[in-house]
Protein backbone atom coordinates (compact mmCIF):
# COMPACT_ATOMS: atom_id res chain seq x y z
CA MET A 1 40.84 -5.87 -21.71
CA LYS A 2 38.04 -6.20 -24.28
CA LYS A 3 38.41 -9.97 -24.18
CA PHE A 4 38.13 -9.93 -20.38
CA LEU A 5 34.96 -7.81 -20.51
CA ALA A 6 33.41 -10.14 -23.07
CA ILE A 7 34.09 -13.13 -20.83
CA LEU A 8 32.61 -11.29 -17.83
CA LEU A 9 29.43 -10.45 -19.78
CA ALA A 10 29.07 -14.07 -20.86
CA LEU A 11 29.34 -15.19 -17.26
CA CYS A 12 26.70 -12.68 -16.17
CA LEU A 13 24.28 -14.10 -18.73
CA VAL A 14 24.25 -17.35 -16.78
CA LEU A 15 21.84 -15.74 -14.35
CA ALA A 16 21.23 -18.45 -11.82
CA VAL A 17 24.65 -20.02 -11.61
CA VAL A 18 26.69 -17.18 -10.11
CA PRO A 19 24.95 -13.79 -9.58
CA CYS A 20 27.30 -10.98 -10.59
CA ALA A 21 28.91 -8.93 -7.86
CA PHE A 22 26.97 -5.85 -6.83
CA ALA A 23 28.75 -2.56 -7.45
CA ALA A 24 28.14 0.44 -5.22
CA ASP A 25 26.67 2.48 -8.08
CA GLN A 26 24.21 -0.20 -9.18
CA THR A 27 20.47 -0.15 -8.54
CA ILE A 28 17.82 -2.72 -7.70
CA TYR A 29 14.93 -1.66 -9.91
CA VAL A 30 11.38 -2.66 -8.98
CA LEU A 31 8.59 -2.32 -11.55
CA GLY A 32 4.92 -2.60 -10.67
CA PRO A 33 1.51 -0.97 -10.64
CA THR A 34 0.59 2.64 -10.09
CA PRO A 35 -1.16 2.65 -6.71
CA ASP A 36 -4.85 3.24 -7.38
CA HIS A 37 -7.16 0.84 -5.55
CA GLY A 38 -7.45 -2.66 -4.22
CA TRP A 39 -4.77 -5.37 -4.42
CA THR A 40 -2.56 -3.66 -6.97
CA ALA A 41 -2.62 -0.37 -5.05
CA GLN A 42 -1.37 -2.12 -1.95
CA ALA A 43 1.25 -4.08 -3.91
CA GLY A 44 2.58 -0.80 -5.24
CA ALA A 45 2.49 0.87 -1.82
CA TYR A 46 4.33 -2.06 -0.22
CA ALA A 47 6.93 -1.98 -3.01
CA GLN A 48 7.54 1.75 -2.61
CA ALA A 49 7.95 1.39 1.16
CA LYS A 50 10.36 -1.54 0.80
CA CYS A 51 12.52 0.30 -1.73
CA GLU A 52 12.72 3.33 0.54
CA GLU A 53 13.66 1.08 3.45
CA ILE A 54 16.45 -0.62 1.49
CA THR A 55 17.86 2.66 0.22
CA ALA A 56 17.73 4.25 3.67
CA ALA A 57 19.70 1.34 5.13
CA GLY A 58 22.58 2.42 2.92
CA GLU A 59 23.93 -0.89 1.64
CA TYR A 60 21.94 -0.93 -1.60
CA LYS A 61 19.95 1.50 -3.70
CA ALA A 62 16.43 0.38 -4.64
CA THR A 63 14.04 2.32 -6.87
CA TYR A 64 10.34 1.68 -7.41
CA ILE A 65 8.94 2.65 -10.80
CA PRO A 66 5.13 2.44 -11.14
CA ALA A 67 3.25 2.04 -14.40
CA SER A 68 -0.28 1.66 -15.71
CA SER A 69 0.37 -0.81 -18.54
CA GLY A 70 2.80 -3.39 -19.81
CA GLU A 71 3.71 -1.16 -22.72
CA GLU A 72 4.70 1.60 -20.30
CA GLN A 73 6.86 -0.92 -18.47
CA VAL A 74 8.68 -1.74 -21.72
CA ASP A 75 9.57 1.94 -22.05
CA GLN A 76 10.76 1.96 -18.45
CA ILE A 77 12.96 -1.07 -19.09
CA ASN A 78 14.50 0.61 -22.12
CA THR A 79 15.39 3.55 -19.87
CA ILE A 80 16.85 1.18 -17.25
CA ILE A 81 18.98 -0.49 -19.91
CA ALA A 82 20.18 2.91 -21.12
CA ASN A 83 21.08 3.90 -17.55
CA GLY A 84 23.50 0.98 -17.40
CA ASP A 85 23.30 0.61 -13.63
CA ALA A 86 20.83 -2.24 -13.05
CA ALA A 87 21.92 -5.00 -10.69
CA ILE A 88 18.56 -6.75 -11.02
CA VAL A 89 14.98 -5.92 -11.99
CA VAL A 90 12.09 -7.20 -9.88
CA MET A 91 9.03 -6.97 -12.09
CA MET A 92 5.32 -7.33 -11.60
CA ALA A 93 4.22 -7.32 -15.25
CA LEU A 94 0.92 -5.50 -15.67
CA ASP A 95 -0.05 -7.36 -18.81
CA ASP A 96 1.51 -9.63 -21.40
CA SER A 97 2.71 -6.72 -23.53
CA ALA A 98 5.52 -6.40 -20.95
CA GLN A 99 7.06 -9.50 -22.58
CA ALA A 100 9.17 -7.35 -24.88
CA GLY A 101 10.73 -5.66 -21.87
CA GLN A 102 11.67 -8.93 -20.23
CA GLU A 103 13.15 -10.16 -23.50
CA ALA A 104 15.22 -6.97 -23.68
CA LEU A 105 16.52 -7.50 -20.14
CA TYR A 106 17.58 -11.03 -21.01
CA ALA A 107 19.27 -9.90 -24.20
CA GLU A 108 21.27 -7.33 -22.23
CA GLY A 109 22.30 -9.83 -19.56
CA ILE A 110 20.31 -8.06 -16.83
CA PRO A 111 18.72 -10.56 -14.43
CA PHE A 112 15.05 -10.17 -13.58
CA ILE A 113 12.64 -11.75 -11.13
CA SER A 114 9.08 -12.09 -12.39
CA PHE A 115 6.39 -11.54 -9.75
CA ASP A 116 2.68 -12.39 -9.67
CA ARG A 117 1.83 -12.25 -13.38
CA ILE A 118 4.14 -14.80 -14.99
CA ILE A 119 4.48 -14.34 -18.74
CA GLU A 120 4.81 -17.85 -20.10
CA ALA A 121 6.95 -16.83 -23.10
CA THR A 122 9.67 -15.36 -20.87
CA GLU A 123 9.44 -17.33 -17.62
CA LYS A 124 12.32 -19.55 -18.76
CA TYR A 125 14.60 -16.46 -18.76
CA ALA A 126 13.74 -15.23 -15.26
CA ALA A 127 16.15 -15.64 -12.38
CA LEU A 128 12.97 -16.65 -10.53
CA ASN A 129 9.23 -16.69 -11.09
CA TYR A 130 7.53 -15.88 -7.79
CA SER A 131 3.90 -15.57 -6.74
CA GLY A 132 1.26 -16.87 -4.44
CA ASN A 133 0.24 -20.41 -5.35
CA ASN A 134 -2.50 -19.71 -7.87
CA TRP A 135 -3.13 -23.40 -8.56
CA GLN A 136 -3.83 -23.88 -4.87
CA CYS A 137 -6.14 -20.86 -4.86
CA GLY A 138 -8.24 -22.62 -7.47
CA ALA A 139 -8.02 -25.96 -5.67
CA GLY A 140 -9.06 -24.31 -2.40
CA ILE A 141 -12.16 -22.80 -3.93
CA ALA A 142 -13.09 -26.07 -5.64
CA TYR A 143 -12.68 -27.84 -2.29
CA TRP A 144 -14.77 -25.23 -0.46
CA LEU A 145 -17.56 -25.14 -3.02
CA GLN A 146 -17.68 -28.92 -3.06
CA GLN A 147 -17.88 -28.99 0.73
CA ASN A 148 -20.86 -26.67 0.38
CA GLY A 149 -22.66 -29.03 -1.97
CA MET A 150 -21.46 -28.15 -5.47
CA ALA A 151 -21.95 -31.15 -7.76
CA PRO A 152 -21.76 -31.77 -11.51
CA GLY A 153 -24.54 -29.95 -13.32
CA ASP A 154 -25.03 -27.20 -10.74
CA THR A 155 -25.24 -23.55 -11.77
CA VAL A 156 -21.84 -21.92 -11.36
CA VAL A 157 -20.70 -18.38 -12.20
CA VAL A 158 -17.00 -17.69 -12.86
CA LEU A 159 -15.60 -14.17 -12.43
CA TYR A 160 -12.10 -13.83 -13.93
CA GLY A 161 -9.76 -10.94 -13.22
CA ASP A 162 -8.14 -11.04 -16.66
CA ASN A 163 -6.85 -13.48 -19.27
CA GLY A 164 -3.32 -13.82 -17.85
CA THR A 165 -1.54 -16.62 -16.03
CA VAL A 166 -2.92 -15.66 -12.61
CA CYS A 167 -6.46 -16.60 -13.56
CA SER A 168 -5.56 -19.40 -15.95
CA ARG A 169 -3.63 -21.10 -13.15
CA ARG A 170 -6.52 -20.56 -10.75
CA GLN A 171 -8.76 -22.29 -13.27
CA GLU A 172 -6.23 -25.10 -13.74
CA GLY A 173 -6.04 -25.73 -10.00
CA PHE A 174 -9.83 -25.77 -9.73
CA GLU A 175 -10.05 -28.34 -12.52
CA GLN A 176 -7.15 -30.45 -11.25
CA PHE A 177 -8.70 -30.71 -7.80
CA LEU A 178 -12.08 -31.79 -9.13
CA ARG A 179 -10.46 -34.38 -11.41
CA GLY A 180 -8.61 -35.76 -8.38
CA GLU A 181 -5.16 -34.89 -9.76
CA ILE A 182 -4.08 -32.61 -6.90
CA LYS A 183 -5.05 -32.03 -3.29
CA TYR A 184 -5.92 -28.72 -1.71
CA GLU A 185 -3.07 -27.91 0.68
CA ASP A 186 -4.21 -25.40 3.29
CA LEU A 187 -1.36 -23.72 5.15
CA ASN A 188 -3.25 -24.00 8.45
CA LYS A 189 -5.54 -27.02 8.14
CA GLY A 190 -3.65 -29.59 6.08
CA GLU A 191 -4.45 -31.48 2.88
CA PHE A 192 -7.85 -32.28 1.37
CA GLU A 193 -8.86 -34.22 -1.70
CA THR A 194 -12.01 -34.25 -3.77
CA THR A 195 -14.91 -36.26 -2.46
CA GLU A 196 -16.10 -36.88 -6.03
CA LYS A 197 -14.00 -36.98 -9.17
CA TRP A 198 -15.59 -34.94 -11.92
CA GLU A 199 -15.63 -35.75 -15.61
CA GLN A 200 -14.03 -33.14 -17.86
CA ALA A 201 -17.33 -32.55 -19.63
CA ASP A 202 -18.93 -31.48 -16.35
CA ILE A 203 -16.03 -29.12 -15.65
CA ASP A 204 -16.26 -27.71 -19.17
CA ASN A 205 -19.92 -26.91 -18.57
CA ILE A 206 -18.82 -24.51 -15.83
CA PHE A 207 -16.19 -22.66 -17.84
CA ASN A 208 -18.30 -22.55 -21.00
CA GLY A 209 -21.26 -21.11 -19.13
CA TYR A 210 -21.64 -17.97 -17.04
CA THR A 211 -18.09 -16.60 -17.20
CA VAL A 212 -16.81 -13.05 -17.54
CA VAL A 213 -13.57 -11.07 -17.28
CA CYS A 214 -14.05 -8.26 -14.75
CA ASN A 215 -10.61 -6.61 -14.94
CA TRP A 216 -10.11 -7.11 -11.20
CA SER A 217 -12.84 -4.56 -10.64
CA ALA A 218 -15.87 -4.37 -8.35
CA ASP A 219 -17.52 -2.27 -11.06
CA GLY A 220 -16.83 -4.97 -13.65
CA ALA A 221 -18.53 -7.62 -11.52
CA TYR A 222 -21.39 -5.22 -10.71
CA GLY A 223 -21.97 -4.61 -14.42
CA TYR A 224 -22.07 -8.33 -15.21
CA MET A 225 -24.51 -8.98 -12.37
CA GLU A 226 -26.66 -6.14 -13.64
CA GLN A 227 -26.82 -7.78 -17.06
CA LYS A 228 -26.98 -11.44 -16.12
CA LEU A 229 -27.99 -12.14 -12.53
CA GLU A 230 -31.70 -12.34 -13.23
CA GLU A 231 -31.07 -14.95 -15.94
CA ILE A 232 -28.61 -16.82 -13.72
CA VAL A 233 -30.98 -16.94 -10.78
CA ALA A 234 -33.84 -18.14 -12.99
CA LYS A 235 -31.66 -21.01 -14.20
CA ALA A 236 -30.54 -21.83 -10.67
CA LYS A 237 -34.17 -21.92 -9.47
CA ASP A 238 -34.88 -24.61 -12.03
CA ASN A 239 -31.65 -26.44 -11.25
CA GLY A 240 -31.89 -27.46 -7.62
CA ASN A 241 -32.28 -23.90 -6.30
CA LYS A 242 -28.49 -23.65 -5.74
CA LEU A 243 -26.00 -21.07 -7.00
CA TYR A 244 -22.19 -21.14 -6.73
CA ILE A 245 -20.02 -18.13 -7.57
CA TYR A 246 -16.33 -18.72 -8.29
CA SER A 247 -14.95 -15.20 -7.93
CA MET A 248 -11.20 -14.93 -8.34
CA ASP A 249 -10.76 -11.67 -6.42
CA ASP A 250 -12.06 -9.86 -3.34
CA GLU A 251 -12.92 -6.73 -5.34
CA MET A 252 -15.17 -8.69 -7.68
CA THR A 253 -16.90 -10.38 -4.76
CA PHE A 254 -17.65 -6.91 -3.40
CA GLY A 255 -19.10 -6.06 -6.81
CA VAL A 256 -21.59 -8.92 -6.50
CA LEU A 257 -22.51 -7.88 -2.97
CA ASN A 258 -22.88 -4.24 -4.01
CA TYR A 259 -25.21 -5.11 -6.88
CA ILE A 260 -27.44 -7.29 -4.75
CA ASN A 261 -27.68 -4.49 -2.21
CA ALA A 262 -28.15 -1.52 -4.52
CA GLY A 263 -29.27 -2.80 -7.91
CA ALA A 264 -31.26 -6.02 -7.59
CA SER A 265 -35.03 -5.91 -7.65
CA ASP A 266 -37.06 -7.02 -4.65
CA ALA A 267 -38.18 -10.11 -6.57
CA LEU A 268 -34.58 -11.04 -7.40
CA LYS A 269 -33.53 -10.53 -3.81
CA ALA A 270 -36.36 -12.77 -2.65
CA ASP A 271 -35.24 -15.52 -5.03
CA LEU A 272 -31.64 -15.22 -3.82
CA GLU A 273 -32.71 -15.35 -0.20
CA ALA A 274 -34.73 -18.49 -0.87
CA MET A 275 -31.93 -20.41 -2.59
CA ASP A 276 -28.53 -21.71 -1.46
CA VAL A 277 -25.86 -19.23 -2.57
CA TYR A 278 -22.12 -19.69 -1.99
CA ILE A 279 -19.49 -17.18 -3.07
CA SER A 280 -15.68 -17.24 -3.02
CA ALA A 281 -12.93 -14.65 -3.30
CA ILE A 282 -9.15 -14.45 -3.39
CA GLY A 283 -6.98 -11.73 -1.90
CA GLY A 284 -6.52 -10.32 1.55
CA MET A 285 -8.82 -7.32 1.76
CA GLN A 286 -9.61 -6.30 5.32
CA GLU A 287 -12.95 -4.84 4.25
CA LEU A 288 -14.08 -8.28 3.10
CA TYR A 289 -12.81 -9.88 6.30
CA ASP A 290 -14.88 -7.31 8.21
CA VAL A 291 -17.96 -8.49 6.34
CA MET A 292 -17.23 -12.10 7.26
CA ASN A 293 -16.40 -11.39 10.90
CA GLY A 294 -19.31 -8.98 11.37
CA LYS A 295 -17.33 -5.80 12.07
CA ASP A 296 -18.99 -4.15 9.09
CA ALA A 297 -22.48 -4.71 10.46
CA GLU A 298 -24.33 -3.24 7.48
CA LYS A 299 -22.63 -5.29 4.78
CA ALA A 300 -22.48 -8.37 7.03
CA ALA A 301 -26.25 -8.26 7.35
CA ILE A 302 -26.62 -8.16 3.55
CA ALA A 303 -24.16 -11.02 3.06
CA ASP A 304 -25.84 -13.11 5.76
CA LYS A 305 -29.21 -12.56 4.13
CA TYR A 306 -28.29 -13.49 0.57
CA PHE A 307 -25.23 -15.75 0.88
CA ASP A 308 -25.37 -19.03 2.75
CA ASN A 309 -21.58 -18.88 3.09
CA MET A 310 -18.60 -16.93 1.78
CA MET A 311 -14.83 -17.19 1.88
CA SER A 312 -11.61 -15.72 0.53
CA VAL A 313 -8.32 -17.50 -0.15
CA TYR A 314 -5.52 -15.50 1.52
CA PHE A 315 -3.24 -14.02 -1.15
CA SER A 316 -1.59 -10.90 0.24
CA PRO A 317 0.02 -8.05 -1.71
CA LYS A 318 2.70 -8.06 1.00
CA MET A 319 4.33 -10.71 -1.18
CA MET A 320 5.65 -7.74 -3.16
CA GLN A 321 8.01 -6.99 -0.28
CA THR A 322 9.03 -10.64 -0.01
CA VAL A 323 10.05 -10.76 -3.66
CA ILE A 324 12.03 -7.53 -3.37
CA ASP A 325 13.94 -9.11 -0.48
CA MET A 326 14.65 -12.00 -2.86
CA GLY A 327 16.11 -9.49 -5.28
CA VAL A 328 18.43 -8.31 -2.52
CA ASP A 329 19.39 -11.93 -1.82
CA TYR A 330 20.26 -12.34 -5.48
CA VAL A 331 22.67 -9.44 -5.55
CA LYS A 332 24.21 -10.63 -2.28
CA GLY A 333 24.85 -14.00 -3.88
CA ASN A 334 22.48 -15.86 -1.55
CA TRP A 335 20.88 -17.76 -4.39
CA ASP A 336 20.04 -21.41 -4.99
CA TYR A 337 17.39 -21.11 -7.72
CA GLU A 338 17.99 -22.15 -11.30
CA VAL A 339 16.98 -19.91 -14.18
CA GLY A 340 13.30 -20.32 -15.02
CA SER A 341 12.34 -21.96 -11.75
CA GLY A 342 9.30 -20.99 -9.72
CA SER A 343 8.57 -20.43 -6.04
CA TYR A 344 5.01 -20.11 -4.75
CA GLU A 345 3.70 -18.96 -1.38
CA PRO A 346 1.21 -21.32 0.30
CA VAL A 347 -2.37 -20.18 0.77
CA PHE A 348 -5.23 -20.75 3.17
CA ILE A 349 -8.97 -20.20 3.41
CA VAL A 350 -10.37 -17.26 5.35
CA ASP A 351 -14.02 -17.45 6.37
CA ALA A 352 -16.20 -16.50 9.33
CA SER A 353 -14.29 -18.91 11.57
CA ASN A 354 -10.94 -17.09 11.28
CA ALA A 355 -11.58 -13.73 9.58
CA GLY A 356 -11.21 -11.97 12.92
CA GLU A 357 -7.72 -13.40 13.37
CA VAL A 358 -6.20 -12.60 9.96
CA GLU A 359 -4.76 -9.17 9.20
CA GLY A 360 -5.76 -7.96 5.78
CA PHE A 361 -4.92 -4.89 3.76
CA THR A 362 -7.13 -1.85 3.31
CA GLY A 363 -7.86 -0.12 0.04
CA HIS A 364 -11.25 -1.21 -1.36
């Protein structure tokens, strides 16, 4: 009997070849953020709702466990391992400290799907690495900024969410597009390539210049604008009177807008109004769509006054429900992915032309 169990455990370690049969007393565990605000709040809310829906249907039990840090998620994983009832773990790692938890899952032969934040050290162990296509988010913004006149040497601000793979891949896609290595593939409008191939030195000037990590926060972007926008605008005035803002999140774009409205001096506002200013975002926040489509008349008037154009690449937290469904597919045996492989949802640009047609999430 012991020999049989050892063979069964060895087979289960081969995660992507034959998913182990789901027992009635096993649980699909889903780990993610504590709902607070913005994208992560909605991801957590969608996850909770999906787990309740699965459990209510009666075929499987699904449990959502929220956390506020990667270290907390490691503790949660240790508890899951001790419970001994995990069929699979679907995990949105909150930071790279969650790596130890994913390593523990692998060591115990418990399959996991990594969602959104992909930890490079453990992605090879995941049954699947799933997210929106972050490289294409970066390529889409590079394409859009270039279409709005961005050229080598222009003044560009980069607002990062954090130092993880989400933003590093968004930077990689931005660079790859400008170097002519990849096209921007818009889900709705087709493929686009750079109209001018950039030298690496010109790209480096962007990412070695006005860059900051905002922790996915409107307040973080507001604080940076408060410290730096006057200096940035002065440089842009002397550099063709153009300013491009590569913001990697809707919340941070709101932070810029909020500062211009509430914190900028009259002189600074006048300079911004007189120059060409283009700002991006990434997410799916309905409040930002309402600025672009004019439903939020007050904020739309501010944006129209100080931004020549704005956009957001669609990247919805509803993907959290999609990846949980993939976890269900895994335990059902409906699985064609190899261990360590990735799957990435396509993206598209939302701007004034289509913001009224796209359903976003609320929670700013």
